[in-house]
């Protein structure tokens, strides 16, 4: 068995250079660049299914610019979720993002990824952590936690937490299916 065909330009995935993309793939590529400014991580892989890519890319873009959650809260959910699913590429990228953009301490981000308990000073961040860690385990959300989350985040914030968990579960599963390592770079395009 020839193992050389098992790996491409981004883990097991072989990217299509822009100049060789089909019209629908190129449209999805341009759509992603327009919304995100680049074609990051799993988006490279999602281009293999251009219709799906164009359907889901706006969800990720929403969390970049319109979410009810702060960047720190987004990174709490993200690092909990990618840590839960053991996605090396996403863990590596979001460990850095959690510290640099989310302004979380390196120790906090490490604990989120490894599943260790975290105590946060900010009440909103703490309830985001409590809610997300309960759902990622998975466990039932008890009434007291629901009430705290609703008081601090509102229904829209709770929806943001749950959809963000789903988003980064899809990200993690995509990266796992294509065995994308932490140091993957992919084509420069």
Protein backbone atom coordinates (compact mmCIF):
# COMPACT_ATOMS: atom_id res chain seq x y z
CA UNK A 1 0.00 0.00 0.00
CA UNK A 2 1.37 3.41 -1.00
CA UNK A 3 1.09 5.80 1.98
CA UNK A 4 2.19 8.87 0.01
CA UNK A 5 -1.34 9.52 -1.28
CA UNK A 6 -2.80 9.63 2.24
CA UNK A 7 -1.52 13.14 2.97
CA UNK A 8 -1.95 16.32 1.02
CA UNK A 9 -1.30 19.99 1.59
CA UNK A 10 -3.37 20.31 4.79
CA UNK A 11 -3.25 17.09 6.76
CA UNK A 12 -4.87 14.39 4.62
CA UNK A 13 -6.63 17.03 2.52
CA UNK A 14 -5.18 18.16 -0.79
CA UNK A 15 -6.15 21.74 -1.50
CA UNK A 16 -6.99 22.90 -4.98
CA UNK A 17 -4.92 25.90 -6.10
CA UNK A 18 -7.15 28.89 -6.83
CA UNK A 19 -6.27 28.91 -10.52
CA UNK A 20 -7.47 25.28 -10.81
CA UNK A 21 -10.70 25.60 -8.81
CA UNK A 22 -14.05 24.90 -10.43
CA UNK A 23 -16.34 27.92 -10.75
CA UNK A 24 -18.45 26.92 -7.74
CA UNK A 25 -15.40 26.17 -5.59
CA UNK A 26 -13.83 29.51 -6.55
CA UNK A 27 -17.11 31.28 -5.70
CA UNK A 28 -17.08 29.63 -2.26
CA UNK A 29 -13.40 30.57 -1.84
CA UNK A 30 -14.08 34.22 -2.72
CA UNK A 31 -17.17 34.26 -0.49
CA UNK A 32 -15.10 33.02 2.45
CA UNK A 33 -12.33 35.57 1.80
CA UNK A 34 -14.92 38.34 1.60
CA UNK A 35 -16.50 37.41 4.93
CA UNK A 36 -13.37 36.33 6.82
CA UNK A 37 -10.53 38.17 5.10
CA UNK A 38 -8.81 34.81 4.55
CA UNK A 39 -9.62 31.13 4.15
CA UNK A 40 -8.57 29.69 7.53
CA UNK A 41 -8.19 26.14 8.84
CA UNK A 42 -11.26 23.98 8.18
CA UNK A 43 -12.58 26.44 5.59
CA UNK A 44 -9.84 25.12 3.29
CA UNK A 45 -11.42 21.67 3.57
CA UNK A 46 -15.03 22.85 3.37
CA UNK A 47 -14.28 24.20 -0.11
CA UNK A 48 -14.51 20.56 -1.25
CA UNK A 49 -18.26 21.03 -0.82
CA UNK A 50 -18.84 24.57 -2.13
CA UNK A 51 -22.59 24.70 -1.41
CA UNK A 52 -22.12 23.62 2.18
CA UNK A 53 -19.18 25.99 2.55
CA UNK A 54 -21.24 28.98 1.45
CA UNK A 55 -24.02 27.92 3.80
CA UNK A 56 -21.90 27.62 6.95
CA UNK A 57 -19.26 30.31 6.48
CA UNK A 58 -21.63 33.10 7.60
CA UNK A 59 -22.00 31.36 10.98
CA UNK A 60 -18.28 31.60 11.66
CA UNK A 61 -18.21 35.17 10.38
CA UNK A 62 -21.06 36.04 12.77
CA UNK A 63 -18.88 35.09 15.73
CA UNK A 64 -16.11 37.33 14.40
CA UNK A 65 -18.19 40.51 14.28
CA UNK A 66 -21.76 40.25 15.59
CA UNK A 67 -21.90 37.84 18.52
CA UNK A 68 -23.41 38.86 21.84
CA UNK A 69 -20.33 37.27 23.42
CA UNK A 70 -17.03 39.06 24.03
CA UNK A 71 -13.83 37.73 22.45
CA UNK A 72 -12.81 36.28 25.83
CA UNK A 73 -16.16 34.49 26.16
CA UNK A 74 -15.90 33.16 22.61
CA UNK A 75 -12.43 31.80 23.34
CA UNK A 76 -13.64 30.18 26.57
CA UNK A 77 -16.25 28.24 24.59
CA UNK A 78 -13.87 27.57 21.71
CA UNK A 79 -11.04 26.18 23.83
CA UNK A 80 -13.42 24.04 25.88
CA UNK A 81 -14.93 22.58 22.71
CA UNK A 82 -11.75 22.00 20.71
CA UNK A 83 -10.12 20.55 23.82
CA UNK A 84 -13.07 18.20 24.29
CA UNK A 85 -12.69 16.90 20.73
CA UNK A 86 -8.89 16.80 20.75
CA UNK A 87 -8.35 18.81 17.58
CA UNK A 88 -4.60 19.59 17.52
CA UNK A 89 -4.77 22.30 14.84
CA UNK A 90 -7.72 24.13 16.43
CA UNK A 91 -6.24 23.75 19.92
CA UNK A 92 -2.91 25.19 18.81
CA UNK A 93 -4.48 28.12 16.95
CA UNK A 94 -7.04 28.99 19.63
CA UNK A 95 -4.65 28.56 22.54
CA UNK A 96 -2.73 31.49 21.03
CA UNK A 97 -5.90 33.42 20.11
CA UNK A 98 -7.35 32.93 23.60
CA UNK A 99 -4.31 34.58 25.15
CA UNK A 100 -3.57 37.24 22.52
CA UNK A 101 -7.07 38.34 21.49
CA UNK A 102 -9.25 36.96 24.30
CA UNK A 103 -6.82 38.27 26.92
CA UNK A 104 -7.19 35.09 28.96
CA UNK A 105 -4.21 33.95 30.99
CA UNK A 106 -2.12 31.13 29.49
CA UNK A 107 -2.95 28.98 32.53
CA UNK A 108 -6.68 29.52 32.05
CA UNK A 109 -6.52 28.59 28.37
CA UNK A 110 -4.46 25.50 29.17
CA UNK A 111 -7.04 24.44 31.79
CA UNK A 112 -9.89 24.98 29.30
CA UNK A 113 -8.18 22.75 26.73
CA UNK A 114 -7.27 20.03 29.21
CA UNK A 115 -10.67 20.01 30.90
CA UNK A 116 -9.48 21.19 34.29
CA UNK A 117 -11.76 23.40 36.41
CA UNK A 118 -11.54 27.14 35.84
CA UNK A 119 -12.58 30.00 38.11
CA UNK A 120 -12.94 33.36 36.42
CA UNK A 121 -13.33 36.76 38.11
CA UNK A 122 -15.81 38.11 35.58
CA UNK A 123 -19.35 36.79 36.32
CA UNK A 124 -20.31 36.64 32.61
CA UNK A 125 -17.15 34.73 31.72
CA UNK A 126 -17.79 32.35 34.62
CA UNK A 127 -21.37 31.61 33.55
CA UNK A 128 -20.22 31.13 29.93
CA UNK A 129 -17.63 28.65 31.23
CA UNK A 130 -20.17 26.90 33.49
CA UNK A 131 -22.76 26.60 30.72
CA UNK A 132 -20.32 25.55 28.00
CA UNK A 133 -18.47 23.05 30.17
CA UNK A 134 -21.79 21.49 31.20
CA UNK A 135 -22.92 21.14 27.60
CA UNK A 136 -19.58 19.90 26.26
CA UNK A 137 -19.29 17.09 28.85
CA UNK A 138 -22.38 16.55 28.10
CA UNK A 139 -24.58 17.04 31.10
CA UNK A 140 -28.05 18.37 31.77
CA UNK A 141 -28.18 22.14 32.41
CA UNK A 142 -29.69 22.50 35.89
CA UNK A 143 -32.27 25.19 36.55
CA UNK A 144 -29.94 27.30 38.72
CA UNK A 145 -27.27 27.45 36.00
CA UNK A 146 -29.91 28.24 33.37
CA UNK A 147 -31.24 31.10 35.50
CA UNK A 148 -27.74 32.52 36.08
CA UNK A 149 -26.96 32.26 32.36
CA UNK A 150 -30.24 33.89 31.38
CA UNK A 151 -29.73 36.73 33.89
CA UNK A 152 -26.19 37.46 32.70
CA UNK A 153 -26.34 36.55 28.99
CA UNK A 154 -30.01 36.64 28.06
CA UNK A 155 -31.58 34.16 25.69
CA UNK A 156 -29.49 35.48 22.77
CA UNK A 157 -26.28 34.85 24.71
CA UNK A 158 -27.33 31.32 25.61
CA UNK A 159 -28.09 30.67 21.93
CA UNK A 160 -24.65 32.09 21.00
CA UNK A 161 -22.94 29.71 23.45
CA UNK A 162 -24.81 26.65 22.17
CA UNK A 163 -24.33 27.42 18.47
CA UNK A 164 -20.65 28.23 19.05
CA UNK A 165 -20.22 24.80 20.65
CA UNK A 166 -21.85 23.27 17.56
CA UNK A 167 -19.67 25.36 15.24
CA UNK A 168 -16.43 24.32 16.91
CA UNK A 169 -17.59 20.72 17.11
CA UNK A 170 -17.97 20.82 13.30
CA UNK A 171 -14.56 22.50 13.02
CA UNK A 172 -12.97 19.87 15.26
CA UNK A 173 -14.60 16.93 13.49
CA UNK A 174 -13.52 18.25 10.08
CA UNK A 175 -9.94 18.67 11.25
CA UNK A 176 -9.96 15.22 12.88
CA UNK A 177 -11.37 13.48 9.78
CA UNK A 178 -8.55 14.92 7.71
CA UNK A 179 -5.90 14.39 10.42
CA UNK A 180 -4.78 18.03 10.36
CA UNK A 181 -1.77 18.43 12.69
CA UNK A 182 -1.13 21.41 14.94
CA UNK A 183 1.55 22.79 12.63
CA UNK A 184 -0.39 22.52 9.37
CA UNK A 185 0.03 25.47 7.04
CA UNK A 186 -1.59 24.54 3.74
CA UNK A 187 -1.22 26.38 0.48
CA UNK A 188 -0.45 30.10 0.64
CA UNK A 189 -3.44 31.46 -1.27
